[in-house]
Amino acid sequence: QLDEAEELYRRALQGCEKTLGDAHASTAQSLANLASLQQERGHLDEAEDLFGRAIQGYERSLGEEHPTTLRCVSNCALLLQARQRPAEAEVLCRRAVEGFERAFGADHPDVLTGRSNLGTILYAQGRLEECEAEYRRAWAGRAARFGRDHATTVGSLKSLALTLKAQEKWGEAVPLLRQLWLARERRYGPDSAEALSVAQELAEVLEARRDHAEAEPLLRRVLEAREALLGPEHLDVMSSASVLALVLQAQGNLKDAERLHRKAFVGREAKLGLDHPLTLISANHLALLLQLEGLFREAEPLYRRALAGLEDALGPEHRDTITSRNNLAALLQAKGELQEAEALYQRTAKGCETALGLEHPSTVASMNNLAELYRSQAWHVEAEAVYRKLAEGLSEKLGEHHPSTIASVHGLALALKAQEKDNEAERYLRQVLASCESTLGLRHPETIAAGNDLASLLSAQGRYSEA
């Protein structure tokens, strides 16, 4: 009955404007009511205009700092966010949060809601660390005020956990996702869509952490429950099948992994179409498994199709596009088609560095792939240049003892050793060995490998007692 509601709101607005004028709080309230209705109906241009007029009316009648004014400002911020104008939304949202905090204190529900809204706006801009800080404040405040099982507290917990997941802060995300999962099970039941959704998120983090032994039974449970609840063709079922396939693949169970990859690929293609990003990601996953099975002729067209589609759908520098390009390059390298493989690795490394920075894991991985291609062909000068750039940049940005820095310095040392630049190679190998011993311990495989490489270098120079 939205048409009838609109007619009543417009009649009330006309009456207020006629009898009370534009600067009265009741007129502003009528404008705000109509704005909310038009936003709900999708008439966003008019809704934005109405919110603007309502804010002006409240400011003139109640003042800029009045809570009612600030609530209207906050509602307008949400509208701007829905219209994908996050920078403008942020300005209004911060105004509302700061005003509420001055009026009521930091733990007031309006402040906590504002912080949650601000976190959402920051997330949309990719400012995940700032977003995380706002979500943490909202979650802590709501837990203290309402209790940990309150709906708003659980909502903040979910937002925070997913933000940590997006930042690949796996260690922090796992306990929060476990807590959220238990809360959803208590509220909705263990086989509810709400609980299974969180269990899926937890399983994806466990897979990313390579905790396959825990991820596999959890994913099997989620997949079985989702098939019973939603039907075997539902997209959520395809999502669970896809992640379970990755876990089984990592554990060497390629037969079952292939079956599930094909299920996800075929199901997504049927539901979403050939060119949907999820379908293309499934194509990439299936191609990688076929490559592992040595079925290069079947894998290559899937890789090429996935890469072309993802570049169009997501852009050349998106993480999934980068993964697809790297996978295709690795296949071509394995087939001996080195010129095209090198070009793909170079493009990925350059794009990642420009878009994400040298220290980003995707950049490090793509540059390592390029350097390993050079090493595998005994192109040691080229490998040295890539490893040196990585080693110097990562040492500055992440520190000498970061695992990525250690790995890049180790690669540089081996490239130098292959060119018989023994003095420089020895210096870097000693640096790697010291870093491994201090961060990983004497018995870690990386420490042992560094020690063996240094010993080999010393032995080749006849320095047997040192070796």
Foldseek 3Di string as FASTA:
>chain_A
DLVVVLVVLVVQLVVCCVPPNLQALSNLVSLQVNLVSCVVVVVLVSSLVSLVSSLVSCCNHPNCLDLVSLVSLLVSLVSCVVVVNLVVSLVSLVSSLVSCCVVPNCLDPSNLVSLQVNLVSCVSVVVLVSSLVSLVSSLVSCCVVPNCLDPSNLVSLVSNLVSCVVVLVLVVNQVSLVVSLVSCCVVPNCLDPSNLVSLLVNLLSCVVVLVLVVSQVSLVVSLVSCCVVPNCLDLVNLSSLQSNLSSCVVVVVLVSSLVSLVSSLVSCCVVPNCLDLSNLLSLLVNLLSCVVVVNLVVSQVSLVSSLVSCCVVPNCQDPSNLSSLQSNLVSCLVVVVNVSSLVSLVVNLVSCCVPPNCPDPSNLVSLVSNLVSCVVVLVLVVSLVSLVVSLVRCCVVPNCLDPSNLVSLLSNLVSCVSVVVLVSSLVSLVSSLVSCCVPPNCPDPSNVVSVVVNQVSCVVVVNNVVD
